[in-house]
């Protein structure tokens, strides 16, 4: 596999360890079996519309792929990001503790305002803080295991049509986080980058 690293927007090969390079190539090689892939500049993606540096300075986008299916009927953005780890006091740790993760964006056809969706966990009580925005699915047995926060109940319900509910319910990793700001959908698994994570995030974005 050959990548033109001149297109990686000031990213150089020495930004990654040999193990990380190998994983990045492996992900690319596997994805290109099913998709068409272009390496693009971060500025040419929706990243800066969705996440500002002041909003989350601990995430640094390193590589952005624009990915389409072979028929070019649907497209999405897949990022390899660097998550900066901090100490309890908020100071940055040594670089060796930073981790690569995978983050995906997709432009939607409609503006859904703000929506956030997480799988419920036994110890997860933080959603109660947002009770004024909570979309209650307790009477919907098919979706009662998810925290759904939305600034507009009707737009949230419109987004969560039966097809999208099934796609979300069937996602194999319960630690995912889905967030929508207007017409941009963000989807991530806040875990160390793996080939499997990149593949299942890509498949989710293709379907959603």
N, C-alpha and C. Protein backbone atom coordinates (compact mmCIF):
# COMPACT_ATOMS: atom_id res chain seq x y z
N UNK A 1 0.83 -1.19 0.00
CA UNK A 1 0.00 0.00 0.00
C UNK A 1 0.87 1.24 0.00
N UNK A 2 0.49 2.25 -0.79
CA UNK A 2 1.24 3.49 -0.79
C UNK A 2 0.32 4.64 -0.44
N UNK A 3 0.74 5.43 0.53
CA UNK A 3 0.00 6.63 0.91
C UNK A 3 0.84 7.85 0.58
N UNK A 4 0.20 8.90 0.08
CA UNK A 4 0.91 10.14 -0.18
C UNK A 4 0.87 10.96 1.10
N UNK A 5 1.92 10.89 1.90
CA UNK A 5 1.92 11.58 3.18
C UNK A 5 2.05 13.09 3.01
N UNK A 6 2.30 13.57 1.82
CA UNK A 6 2.28 15.01 1.59
C UNK A 6 0.88 15.58 1.74
N UNK A 7 -0.14 14.70 1.67
CA UNK A 7 -1.52 15.14 1.78
C UNK A 7 -2.04 15.09 3.22
N UNK A 8 -1.17 14.77 4.15
CA UNK A 8 -1.64 14.58 5.51
C UNK A 8 -1.62 15.85 6.34
N UNK A 9 -1.52 17.02 5.71
CA UNK A 9 -1.67 18.29 6.40
C UNK A 9 -0.69 18.43 7.56
N UNK A 10 0.57 18.64 7.23
CA UNK A 10 1.70 18.83 8.13
C UNK A 10 2.01 17.62 9.01
N UNK A 11 1.32 16.53 8.79
CA UNK A 11 1.63 15.32 9.54
C UNK A 11 2.81 14.62 8.85
N UNK A 12 3.79 14.23 9.61
CA UNK A 12 4.94 13.51 9.08
C UNK A 12 4.97 12.11 9.66
N UNK A 13 5.70 11.25 9.00
CA UNK A 13 5.76 9.86 9.47
C UNK A 13 6.30 9.76 10.89
N UNK A 14 7.18 10.69 11.28
CA UNK A 14 7.75 10.57 12.62
C UNK A 14 6.75 10.94 13.71
N UNK A 15 5.54 11.36 13.35
CA UNK A 15 4.51 11.60 14.35
C UNK A 15 4.01 10.28 14.94
N UNK A 16 4.27 9.18 14.26
CA UNK A 16 3.75 7.89 14.69
C UNK A 16 4.90 6.93 14.98
N UNK A 17 4.66 6.04 15.91
CA UNK A 17 5.62 4.97 16.14
C UNK A 17 5.52 3.97 15.00
N UNK A 18 6.47 3.06 14.93
CA UNK A 18 6.43 2.03 13.89
C UNK A 18 5.19 1.16 14.04
N UNK A 19 4.81 0.88 15.29
CA UNK A 19 3.61 0.07 15.52
C UNK A 19 2.36 0.80 15.05
N UNK A 20 2.30 2.11 15.31
CA UNK A 20 1.16 2.91 14.87
C UNK A 20 1.10 3.01 13.36
N UNK A 21 2.27 3.20 12.72
CA UNK A 21 2.32 3.22 11.26
C UNK A 21 1.75 1.94 10.68
N UNK A 22 2.19 0.82 11.22
CA UNK A 22 1.74 -0.48 10.74
C UNK A 22 0.23 -0.62 10.87
N UNK A 23 -0.33 -0.16 12.00
CA UNK A 23 -1.77 -0.23 12.21
C UNK A 23 -2.52 0.68 11.25
N UNK A 24 -2.01 1.89 11.03
CA UNK A 24 -2.65 2.83 10.10
C UNK A 24 -2.69 2.25 8.70
N UNK A 25 -1.58 1.65 8.25
CA UNK A 25 -1.55 1.02 6.93
C UNK A 25 -2.52 -0.15 6.86
N UNK A 26 -2.57 -0.92 7.93
CA UNK A 26 -3.47 -2.09 7.97
C UNK A 26 -4.92 -1.65 7.86
N UNK A 27 -5.29 -0.57 8.57
CA UNK A 27 -6.65 -0.04 8.50
C UNK A 27 -6.96 0.43 7.08
N UNK A 28 -6.04 1.18 6.50
CA UNK A 28 -6.24 1.68 5.14
C UNK A 28 -6.43 0.53 4.16
N UNK A 29 -5.56 -0.45 4.24
CA UNK A 29 -5.63 -1.59 3.31
C UNK A 29 -6.96 -2.34 3.43
N UNK A 30 -7.45 -2.47 4.65
CA UNK A 30 -8.71 -3.19 4.85
C UNK A 30 -9.89 -2.36 4.38
N UNK A 31 -9.88 -1.08 4.67
CA UNK A 31 -10.99 -0.22 4.26
C UNK A 31 -11.10 -0.11 2.74
N UNK A 32 -9.96 -0.05 2.08
CA UNK A 32 -10.00 0.17 0.63
C UNK A 32 -10.53 -1.05 -0.12
N UNK A 33 -10.63 -2.18 0.57
CA UNK A 33 -11.26 -3.35 -0.05
C UNK A 33 -12.75 -3.12 -0.29
N UNK A 34 -13.37 -2.28 0.56
CA UNK A 34 -14.82 -2.07 0.49
C UNK A 34 -15.23 -0.65 0.09
N UNK A 35 -14.30 0.29 0.20
CA UNK A 35 -14.63 1.70 -0.01
C UNK A 35 -13.63 2.37 -0.94
N UNK A 36 -14.02 3.56 -1.42
CA UNK A 36 -13.07 4.46 -2.07
C UNK A 36 -12.60 5.47 -1.03
N UNK A 37 -11.29 5.72 -0.95
CA UNK A 37 -10.74 6.53 0.13
C UNK A 37 -9.84 7.63 -0.44
N UNK A 38 -10.04 8.84 0.09
CA UNK A 38 -9.15 9.95 -0.22
C UNK A 38 -8.61 10.51 1.09
N UNK A 39 -7.30 10.83 1.11
CA UNK A 39 -6.71 11.51 2.26
C UNK A 39 -6.88 13.00 2.02
N UNK A 40 -7.52 13.70 2.95
CA UNK A 40 -7.80 15.12 2.75
C UNK A 40 -7.28 15.93 3.93
N UNK A 41 -7.17 17.24 3.73
CA UNK A 41 -6.78 18.13 4.81
C UNK A 41 -7.90 18.24 5.84
N UNK A 42 -7.53 18.41 7.08
CA UNK A 42 -8.52 18.57 8.15
C UNK A 42 -9.46 19.74 7.84
N UNK A 43 -8.90 20.82 7.28
CA UNK A 43 -9.70 22.01 6.99
C UNK A 43 -10.77 21.76 5.93
N UNK A 44 -10.61 20.71 5.14
CA UNK A 44 -11.58 20.39 4.10
C UNK A 44 -12.67 19.44 4.61
N UNK A 45 -12.66 19.17 5.88
CA UNK A 45 -13.65 18.29 6.51
C UNK A 45 -14.54 19.13 7.44
N UNK A 46 -15.60 18.54 8.00
CA UNK A 46 -16.46 19.28 8.94
C UNK A 46 -15.87 19.38 10.35
N UNK A 47 -14.63 18.95 10.54
CA UNK A 47 -14.09 18.85 11.90
C UNK A 47 -14.15 20.17 12.65
N UNK A 48 -13.66 21.23 12.05
CA UNK A 48 -13.60 22.52 12.75
C UNK A 48 -14.98 23.15 12.94
N UNK A 49 -15.95 22.73 12.14
CA UNK A 49 -17.33 23.18 12.37
C UNK A 49 -17.91 22.53 13.61
N UNK A 50 -17.44 21.34 13.89
CA UNK A 50 -18.03 20.54 14.98
C UNK A 50 -17.27 20.68 16.29
N UNK A 51 -15.96 20.69 16.23
CA UNK A 51 -15.13 20.72 17.43
C UNK A 51 -14.14 21.87 17.32
N UNK A 52 -14.18 22.78 18.28
CA UNK A 52 -13.21 23.86 18.31
C UNK A 52 -12.06 23.47 19.24
N UNK A 53 -10.91 24.10 19.05
CA UNK A 53 -9.76 23.80 19.91
C UNK A 53 -10.05 24.13 21.36
N UNK A 54 -10.80 25.22 21.59
CA UNK A 54 -11.12 25.60 22.96
C UNK A 54 -12.11 24.63 23.58
N UNK A 55 -12.92 23.99 22.74
CA UNK A 55 -13.93 23.06 23.24
C UNK A 55 -13.30 21.76 23.72
N UNK A 56 -12.33 21.27 22.98
CA UNK A 56 -11.68 20.02 23.37
C UNK A 56 -10.21 20.05 22.94
N UNK A 57 -9.36 20.73 23.73
CA UNK A 57 -7.95 20.84 23.34
C UNK A 57 -7.17 19.55 23.51
N UNK A 58 -7.77 18.53 24.10
CA UNK A 58 -7.07 17.27 24.34
C UNK A 58 -7.17 16.31 23.17
N UNK A 59 -7.89 16.70 22.12
CA UNK A 59 -8.02 15.87 20.92
C UNK A 59 -7.36 16.58 19.75
N UNK A 60 -6.42 15.91 19.11
CA UNK A 60 -5.71 16.48 17.97
C UNK A 60 -5.94 15.57 16.76
N UNK A 61 -6.62 16.07 15.74
CA UNK A 61 -6.80 15.24 14.53
C UNK A 61 -5.48 15.09 13.79
N UNK A 62 -5.15 13.86 13.42
CA UNK A 62 -3.87 13.60 12.76
C UNK A 62 -4.05 13.28 11.28
N UNK A 63 -5.01 12.43 10.96
CA UNK A 63 -5.27 12.03 9.57
C UNK A 63 -6.77 12.06 9.34
N UNK A 64 -7.19 12.53 8.18
CA UNK A 64 -8.60 12.52 7.81
C UNK A 64 -8.77 11.81 6.48
N UNK A 65 -9.62 10.80 6.46
CA UNK A 65 -10.00 10.11 5.23
C UNK A 65 -11.42 10.52 4.86
N UNK A 66 -11.63 10.86 3.60
CA UNK A 66 -12.99 10.97 3.09
C UNK A 66 -13.30 9.66 2.39
N UNK A 67 -14.34 9.00 2.84
CA UNK A 67 -14.64 7.63 2.41
C UNK A 67 -16.01 7.58 1.76
N UNK A 68 -16.10 6.92 0.63
CA UNK A 68 -17.39 6.68 -0.03
C UNK A 68 -17.51 5.20 -0.35
N UNK A 69 -18.74 4.75 -0.49
CA UNK A 69 -18.90 3.38 -0.96
C UNK A 69 -18.51 3.32 -2.43
N UNK A 70 -18.41 2.13 -2.96
CA UNK A 70 -17.91 1.97 -4.32
C UNK A 70 -18.80 2.63 -5.37
N UNK A 71 -20.08 2.82 -5.03
CA UNK A 71 -21.01 3.48 -5.96
C UNK A 71 -21.08 4.98 -5.76
N UNK A 72 -20.30 5.49 -4.80
CA UNK A 72 -20.29 6.93 -4.49
C UNK A 72 -21.67 7.46 -4.13
N UNK A 73 -22.49 6.63 -3.48
CA UNK A 73 -23.84 7.07 -3.10
C UNK A 73 -23.90 7.57 -1.66
N UNK A 74 -22.89 7.29 -0.87
CA UNK A 74 -22.86 7.79 0.50
C UNK A 74 -21.41 8.04 0.88
N UNK A 75 -21.19 9.10 1.66
CA UNK A 75 -19.82 9.45 2.05
C UNK A 75 -19.75 9.85 3.51
N UNK A 76 -18.58 9.67 4.10
CA UNK A 76 -18.37 10.08 5.49
C UNK A 76 -16.88 10.33 5.70
N UNK A 77 -16.55 10.86 6.87
CA UNK A 77 -15.18 11.21 7.20
C UNK A 77 -14.71 10.35 8.36
N UNK A 78 -13.52 9.80 8.22
CA UNK A 78 -12.94 8.99 9.30
C UNK A 78 -11.62 9.63 9.71
N UNK A 79 -11.50 9.93 10.99
CA UNK A 79 -10.31 10.59 11.52
C UNK A 79 -9.52 9.64 12.41
N UNK A 80 -8.22 9.72 12.29
CA UNK A 80 -7.35 9.15 13.31
C UNK A 80 -6.90 10.33 14.16
N UNK A 81 -7.24 10.27 15.43
CA UNK A 81 -6.98 11.40 16.33
C UNK A 81 -6.01 10.98 17.42
N UNK A 82 -5.34 11.98 17.98
CA UNK A 82 -4.47 11.74 19.12
C UNK A 82 -5.18 12.27 20.36
N UNK A 83 -5.45 11.39 21.31
CA UNK A 83 -6.08 11.79 22.58
C UNK A 83 -4.97 12.01 23.60
N UNK A 84 -4.85 13.26 24.05
CA UNK A 84 -3.81 13.61 25.01
C UNK A 84 -4.27 13.22 26.41
N UNK A 85 -3.49 12.41 27.07
CA UNK A 85 -3.81 12.00 28.43
C UNK A 85 -3.26 13.03 29.41
N UNK A 86 -3.98 13.23 30.52
CA UNK A 86 -3.58 14.21 31.52
C UNK A 86 -3.47 13.57 32.89
N UNK A 87 -2.78 14.25 33.77
CA UNK A 87 -2.70 13.82 35.15
C UNK A 87 -3.95 14.27 35.90
N UNK A 88 -4.06 13.89 37.15
CA UNK A 88 -5.22 14.30 37.96
C UNK A 88 -5.32 15.81 38.03
N UNK A 89 -4.18 16.49 38.02
CA UNK A 89 -4.17 17.96 38.11
C UNK A 89 -4.36 18.62 36.75
N UNK A 90 -4.50 17.84 35.71
CA UNK A 90 -4.77 18.41 34.39
C UNK A 90 -3.55 18.64 33.54
N UNK A 91 -2.37 18.32 34.06
CA UNK A 91 -1.14 18.51 33.28
C UNK A 91 -1.00 17.38 32.28
N UNK A 92 -0.37 17.68 31.15
CA UNK A 92 -0.16 16.65 30.13
C UNK A 92 0.88 15.65 30.61
N UNK A 93 0.60 14.39 30.36
CA UNK A 93 1.56 13.35 30.69
C UNK A 93 2.60 13.24 29.59
N UNK A 94 3.57 12.39 29.77
CA UNK A 94 4.56 12.12 28.74
C UNK A 94 3.86 11.63 27.48
N UNK A 95 4.42 11.95 26.31
CA UNK A 95 3.81 11.59 25.04
C UNK A 95 3.50 10.10 24.92
N UNK A 96 4.28 9.27 25.60
CA UNK A 96 4.09 7.83 25.45
C UNK A 96 2.75 7.38 26.00
N UNK A 97 2.07 8.25 26.76
CA UNK A 97 0.77 7.89 27.29
C UNK A 97 -0.39 8.42 26.44
N UNK A 98 -0.06 9.18 25.39
CA UNK A 98 -1.10 9.61 24.46
C UNK A 98 -1.58 8.39 23.67
N UNK A 99 -2.84 8.43 23.25
CA UNK A 99 -3.38 7.28 22.52
C UNK A 99 -4.01 7.74 21.22
N UNK A 100 -3.89 6.90 20.19
CA UNK A 100 -4.61 7.11 18.94
C UNK A 100 -6.00 6.52 19.08
N UNK A 101 -7.00 7.25 18.59
CA UNK A 101 -8.37 6.78 18.59
C UNK A 101 -8.99 7.06 17.23
N UNK A 102 -10.21 6.58 17.04
CA UNK A 102 -10.90 6.73 15.77
C UNK A 102 -12.17 7.56 15.99
N UNK A 103 -12.42 8.49 15.10
CA UNK A 103 -13.59 9.37 15.19
C UNK A 103 -14.18 9.52 13.79
N UNK A 104 -15.51 9.44 13.69
CA UNK A 104 -16.16 9.57 12.40
C UNK A 104 -17.16 10.70 12.36
N UNK A 105 -17.27 11.35 11.21
CA UNK A 105 -18.27 12.38 10.97
C UNK A 105 -19.07 12.03 9.72
N UNK A 106 -20.32 12.48 9.72
CA UNK A 106 -21.13 12.34 8.50
C UNK A 106 -22.05 13.54 8.40
N UNK A 107 -22.11 14.10 7.19
CA UNK A 107 -23.04 15.21 6.93
C UNK A 107 -24.43 14.62 6.67
N UNK A 108 -25.41 15.16 7.38
CA UNK A 108 -26.78 14.69 7.23
C UNK A 108 -27.55 15.59 6.27
N UNK A 109 -28.68 15.11 5.81
CA UNK A 109 -29.49 15.87 4.86
C UNK A 109 -30.39 16.90 5.55
N UNK A 110 -30.51 16.80 6.89
CA UNK A 110 -31.38 17.70 7.62
C UNK A 110 -30.66 18.25 8.84
N UNK A 111 -31.18 19.36 9.37
CA UNK A 111 -30.69 19.97 10.60
C UNK A 111 -31.50 19.41 11.77
N UNK A 112 -30.83 18.67 12.66
CA UNK A 112 -31.52 18.05 13.79
C UNK A 112 -31.21 18.74 15.12
N UNK A 113 -30.65 19.97 15.05
CA UNK A 113 -30.23 20.68 16.25
C UNK A 113 -29.22 19.85 17.03
N UNK A 114 -29.40 19.68 18.33
CA UNK A 114 -28.45 18.92 19.13
C UNK A 114 -29.07 17.61 19.60
N UNK A 115 -28.33 16.51 19.40
CA UNK A 115 -28.74 15.18 19.88
C UNK A 115 -27.51 14.46 20.42
N UNK A 116 -27.68 13.76 21.53
CA UNK A 116 -26.60 12.94 22.08
C UNK A 116 -27.19 11.59 22.49
N UNK A 117 -26.51 10.51 22.09
CA UNK A 117 -27.01 9.16 22.39
C UNK A 117 -25.87 8.31 22.94
N UNK A 118 -26.13 7.67 24.07
CA UNK A 118 -25.20 6.73 24.70
C UNK A 118 -25.96 5.51 25.15
N UNK A 119 -25.25 4.38 25.20
CA UNK A 119 -25.84 3.18 25.78
C UNK A 119 -25.82 3.30 27.30
N UNK A 120 -26.92 2.95 27.96
CA UNK A 120 -26.99 3.03 29.41
C UNK A 120 -26.05 2.02 30.06
N UNK A 121 -25.42 2.46 31.16
CA UNK A 121 -24.61 1.57 31.97
C UNK A 121 -25.15 1.61 33.40
N UNK A 122 -24.89 0.56 34.12
CA UNK A 122 -25.45 0.44 35.46
C UNK A 122 -25.07 1.62 36.35
N UNK A 123 -23.80 2.02 36.25
CA UNK A 123 -23.32 3.08 37.14
C UNK A 123 -23.41 4.47 36.53
N UNK A 124 -24.04 4.57 35.38
CA UNK A 124 -24.07 5.85 34.68
C UNK A 124 -25.23 6.70 35.19
N UNK A 125 -24.91 7.65 36.05
CA UNK A 125 -25.93 8.52 36.63
C UNK A 125 -25.87 9.94 36.07
N UNK A 126 -24.85 10.22 35.29
CA UNK A 126 -24.63 11.59 34.86
C UNK A 126 -25.74 12.12 33.96
N UNK A 127 -26.46 11.24 33.29
CA UNK A 127 -27.52 11.69 32.38
C UNK A 127 -28.60 12.46 33.13
N UNK A 128 -28.74 12.22 34.43
CA UNK A 128 -29.73 12.95 35.20
C UNK A 128 -29.49 14.44 35.24
N UNK A 129 -28.23 14.83 35.03
CA UNK A 129 -27.91 16.26 35.00
C UNK A 129 -28.65 16.94 33.86
N UNK A 130 -28.88 16.20 32.79
CA UNK A 130 -29.49 16.76 31.60
C UNK A 130 -30.98 16.40 31.50
N UNK A 131 -31.60 16.21 32.63
CA UNK A 131 -32.97 15.71 32.62
C UNK A 131 -33.93 16.62 31.85
N UNK A 132 -33.63 17.91 31.82
CA UNK A 132 -34.53 18.82 31.11
C UNK A 132 -34.49 18.61 29.60
N UNK A 133 -33.45 17.91 29.13
CA UNK A 133 -33.34 17.64 27.70
C UNK A 133 -33.59 16.18 27.36
N UNK A 134 -33.81 15.37 28.38
CA UNK A 134 -33.87 13.93 28.15
C UNK A 134 -35.11 13.54 27.36
N UNK A 135 -34.91 12.73 26.34
CA UNK A 135 -36.02 12.15 25.59
C UNK A 135 -36.29 10.78 26.20
N UNK A 136 -37.44 10.62 26.78
CA UNK A 136 -37.73 9.43 27.57
C UNK A 136 -38.24 8.29 26.69
N UNK A 137 -37.50 7.19 26.70
CA UNK A 137 -37.89 6.02 25.93
C UNK A 137 -38.29 4.86 26.83
N UNK A 138 -38.68 5.17 28.07
CA UNK A 138 -38.99 4.07 29.00
C UNK A 138 -40.19 3.25 28.54
N UNK A 139 -41.07 3.86 27.76
CA UNK A 139 -42.22 3.12 27.24
C UNK A 139 -41.95 2.47 25.90
N UNK A 140 -40.76 2.72 25.38
CA UNK A 140 -40.35 2.11 24.11
C UNK A 140 -39.38 0.99 24.45
N UNK A 141 -39.87 -0.21 24.56
CA UNK A 141 -39.04 -1.33 25.02
C UNK A 141 -37.87 -1.59 24.08
N UNK A 142 -38.01 -1.18 22.84
CA UNK A 142 -36.94 -1.41 21.87
C UNK A 142 -35.76 -0.46 22.05
N UNK A 143 -35.96 0.65 22.78
CA UNK A 143 -34.90 1.65 22.88
C UNK A 143 -34.70 2.16 24.30
N UNK A 144 -35.18 1.43 25.27
CA UNK A 144 -35.15 1.89 26.65
C UNK A 144 -33.75 1.80 27.27
N UNK A 145 -32.82 1.13 26.61
CA UNK A 145 -31.47 0.97 27.16
C UNK A 145 -30.52 2.07 26.72
N UNK A 146 -31.05 3.17 26.18
CA UNK A 146 -30.20 4.25 25.69
C UNK A 146 -30.59 5.57 26.36
N UNK A 147 -29.55 6.37 26.67
CA UNK A 147 -29.77 7.75 27.07
C UNK A 147 -29.85 8.59 25.80
N UNK A 148 -30.94 9.30 25.65
CA UNK A 148 -31.12 10.15 24.48
C UNK A 148 -31.37 11.57 24.96
N UNK A 149 -30.49 12.48 24.60
CA UNK A 149 -30.63 13.89 24.94
C UNK A 149 -30.84 14.66 23.65
N UNK A 150 -31.83 15.54 23.66
CA UNK A 150 -32.10 16.31 22.45
C UNK A 150 -32.63 17.69 22.78
N UNK A 151 -32.15 18.69 22.06
CA UNK A 151 -32.62 20.05 22.30
C UNK A 151 -34.00 20.29 21.70
N UNK A 152 -34.40 19.45 20.76
CA UNK A 152 -35.72 19.55 20.14
C UNK A 152 -36.30 18.13 20.07
N UNK A 153 -37.29 17.87 20.90
CA UNK A 153 -37.85 16.52 21.01
C UNK A 153 -38.34 16.00 19.67
N UNK A 154 -38.99 16.85 18.89
CA UNK A 154 -39.58 16.38 17.65
C UNK A 154 -38.52 16.08 16.59
N UNK A 155 -37.46 16.90 16.55
CA UNK A 155 -36.37 16.61 15.62
C UNK A 155 -35.62 15.35 16.04
N UNK A 156 -35.49 15.16 17.35
CA UNK A 156 -34.83 13.95 17.84
C UNK A 156 -35.62 12.71 17.45
N UNK A 157 -36.91 12.76 17.64
CA UNK A 157 -37.76 11.62 17.27
C UNK A 157 -37.74 11.39 15.76
N UNK A 158 -37.66 12.48 15.00
CA UNK A 158 -37.58 12.35 13.55
C UNK A 158 -36.28 11.65 13.14
N UNK A 159 -35.18 12.03 13.80
CA UNK A 159 -33.91 11.37 13.49
C UNK A 159 -33.97 9.89 13.84
N UNK A 160 -34.57 9.57 14.98
CA UNK A 160 -34.60 8.18 15.44
C UNK A 160 -35.78 7.43 14.82
N UNK A 161 -35.73 7.32 13.52
CA UNK A 161 -36.74 6.52 12.84
C UNK A 161 -36.43 5.03 13.07
N UNK A 162 -37.33 4.13 12.73
CA UNK A 162 -37.10 2.70 13.01
C UNK A 162 -35.80 2.15 12.43
N UNK A 163 -35.43 2.60 11.23
CA UNK A 163 -34.19 2.09 10.62
C UNK A 163 -32.98 2.50 11.43
N UNK A 164 -32.91 3.78 11.81
CA UNK A 164 -31.75 4.26 12.58
C UNK A 164 -31.72 3.63 13.97
N UNK A 165 -32.87 3.43 14.58
CA UNK A 165 -32.90 2.75 15.88
C UNK A 165 -32.27 1.37 15.79
N UNK A 166 -32.61 0.63 14.75
CA UNK A 166 -32.07 -0.71 14.60
C UNK A 166 -30.56 -0.69 14.39
N UNK A 167 -30.08 0.29 13.62
CA UNK A 167 -28.64 0.41 13.37
C UNK A 167 -27.91 0.70 14.69
N UNK A 168 -28.46 1.61 15.48
CA UNK A 168 -27.84 1.96 16.76
C UNK A 168 -27.89 0.79 17.73
N UNK A 169 -29.03 0.13 17.81
CA UNK A 169 -29.18 -1.00 18.73
C UNK A 169 -28.23 -2.15 18.40
N UNK A 170 -27.95 -2.33 17.12
CA UNK A 170 -27.13 -3.47 16.70
C UNK A 170 -25.63 -3.18 16.75
N UNK A 171 -25.25 -1.94 17.12
CA UNK A 171 -23.82 -1.63 17.15
C UNK A 171 -23.14 -2.48 18.21
N UNK A 172 -22.02 -3.13 17.88
CA UNK A 172 -21.48 -4.17 18.77
C UNK A 172 -20.70 -3.68 19.98
N UNK A 173 -20.37 -2.39 20.06
CA UNK A 173 -19.61 -1.88 21.21
C UNK A 173 -20.47 -0.90 21.99
N UNK A 174 -20.78 -1.22 23.24
CA UNK A 174 -21.72 -0.40 24.01
C UNK A 174 -21.11 0.91 24.49
N UNK A 175 -19.81 1.12 24.31
CA UNK A 175 -19.16 2.34 24.78
C UNK A 175 -19.18 3.47 23.75
N UNK A 176 -19.93 3.32 22.68
CA UNK A 176 -19.97 4.35 21.64
C UNK A 176 -20.60 5.64 22.16
N UNK A 177 -20.29 6.72 21.46
CA UNK A 177 -20.99 7.99 21.71
C UNK A 177 -21.37 8.61 20.38
N UNK A 178 -22.65 8.89 20.21
CA UNK A 178 -23.17 9.54 19.01
C UNK A 178 -23.62 10.95 19.40
N UNK A 179 -23.22 11.91 18.60
CA UNK A 179 -23.62 13.29 18.87
C UNK A 179 -23.90 13.99 17.54
N UNK A 180 -24.95 14.79 17.54
CA UNK A 180 -25.30 15.57 16.35
C UNK A 180 -25.34 17.04 16.71
N UNK A 181 -24.70 17.85 15.90
CA UNK A 181 -24.83 19.30 15.99
C UNK A 181 -25.31 19.78 14.63
N UNK A 182 -26.56 20.19 14.62
CA UNK A 182 -27.20 20.64 13.37
C UNK A 182 -27.21 19.52 12.34
N UNK A 183 -26.42 19.63 11.25
CA UNK A 183 -26.47 18.60 10.22
C UNK A 183 -25.20 17.76 10.17
N UNK A 184 -24.41 17.77 11.27
CA UNK A 184 -23.19 16.98 11.33
C UNK A 184 -23.31 15.95 12.44
N UNK A 185 -23.12 14.70 12.08
CA UNK A 185 -23.16 13.60 13.04
C UNK A 185 -21.74 13.16 13.37
N UNK A 186 -21.47 13.03 14.66
CA UNK A 186 -20.18 12.55 15.13
C UNK A 186 -20.38 11.20 15.81
N UNK A 187 -19.46 10.26 15.56
CA UNK A 187 -19.59 8.94 16.15
C UNK A 187 -18.21 8.43 16.54
N UNK A 188 -18.08 7.96 17.78
CA UNK A 188 -16.77 7.54 18.25
C UNK A 188 -16.89 6.43 19.28
N UNK A 189 -15.81 5.67 19.40
CA UNK A 189 -15.62 4.74 20.50
C UNK A 189 -14.39 5.25 21.26
N UNK A 190 -14.55 5.76 22.47
CA UNK A 190 -13.41 6.36 23.18
C UNK A 190 -12.45 5.31 23.73
N UNK A 191 -11.86 4.58 22.82
CA UNK A 191 -10.91 3.53 23.17
C UNK A 191 -9.72 3.60 22.23
N UNK A 192 -8.68 2.90 22.60
CA UNK A 192 -7.48 2.86 21.78
C UNK A 192 -7.80 2.35 20.37
N UNK A 193 -7.17 2.97 19.38
CA UNK A 193 -7.40 2.61 17.98
C UNK A 193 -7.07 1.14 17.71
N UNK A 194 -8.01 0.47 17.07
CA UNK A 194 -7.79 -0.90 16.59
C UNK A 194 -8.38 -1.01 15.19
N UNK A 195 -7.98 -2.04 14.48
CA UNK A 195 -8.56 -2.29 13.17
C UNK A 195 -10.06 -2.50 13.28
N UNK A 196 -10.49 -3.28 14.25
CA UNK A 196 -11.91 -3.56 14.41
C UNK A 196 -12.71 -2.30 14.68
N UNK A 197 -12.20 -1.42 15.55
CA UNK A 197 -12.92 -0.18 15.83
C UNK A 197 -13.09 0.67 14.57
N UNK A 198 -12.04 0.77 13.78
CA UNK A 198 -12.13 1.55 12.54
C UNK A 198 -13.15 0.96 11.58
N UNK A 199 -13.20 -0.36 11.51
CA UNK A 199 -14.12 -1.03 10.58
C UNK A 199 -15.58 -0.89 11.03
N UNK A 200 -15.85 -1.07 12.32
CA UNK A 200 -17.24 -1.01 12.76
C UNK A 200 -17.76 0.43 12.78
N UNK A 201 -16.88 1.40 13.06
CA UNK A 201 -17.30 2.80 12.97
C UNK A 201 -17.62 3.15 11.52
N UNK A 202 -16.78 2.70 10.58
CA UNK A 202 -17.02 2.97 9.16
C UNK A 202 -18.33 2.33 8.70
N UNK A 203 -18.58 1.13 9.12
CA UNK A 203 -19.81 0.46 8.72
C UNK A 203 -21.04 1.16 9.29
N UNK A 204 -20.92 1.65 10.53
CA UNK A 204 -22.02 2.40 11.13
C UNK A 204 -22.30 3.67 10.33
N UNK A 205 -21.27 4.41 10.02
CA UNK A 205 -21.45 5.67 9.29
C UNK A 205 -22.02 5.44 7.90
N UNK A 206 -21.62 4.36 7.28
CA UNK A 206 -22.18 4.02 5.97
C UNK A 206 -23.69 3.79 6.06
N UNK A 207 -24.11 3.09 7.12
CA UNK A 207 -25.53 2.71 7.25
C UNK A 207 -26.40 3.87 7.76
N UNK A 208 -25.90 4.66 8.68
CA UNK A 208 -26.73 5.63 9.37
C UNK A 208 -27.15 6.76 8.45
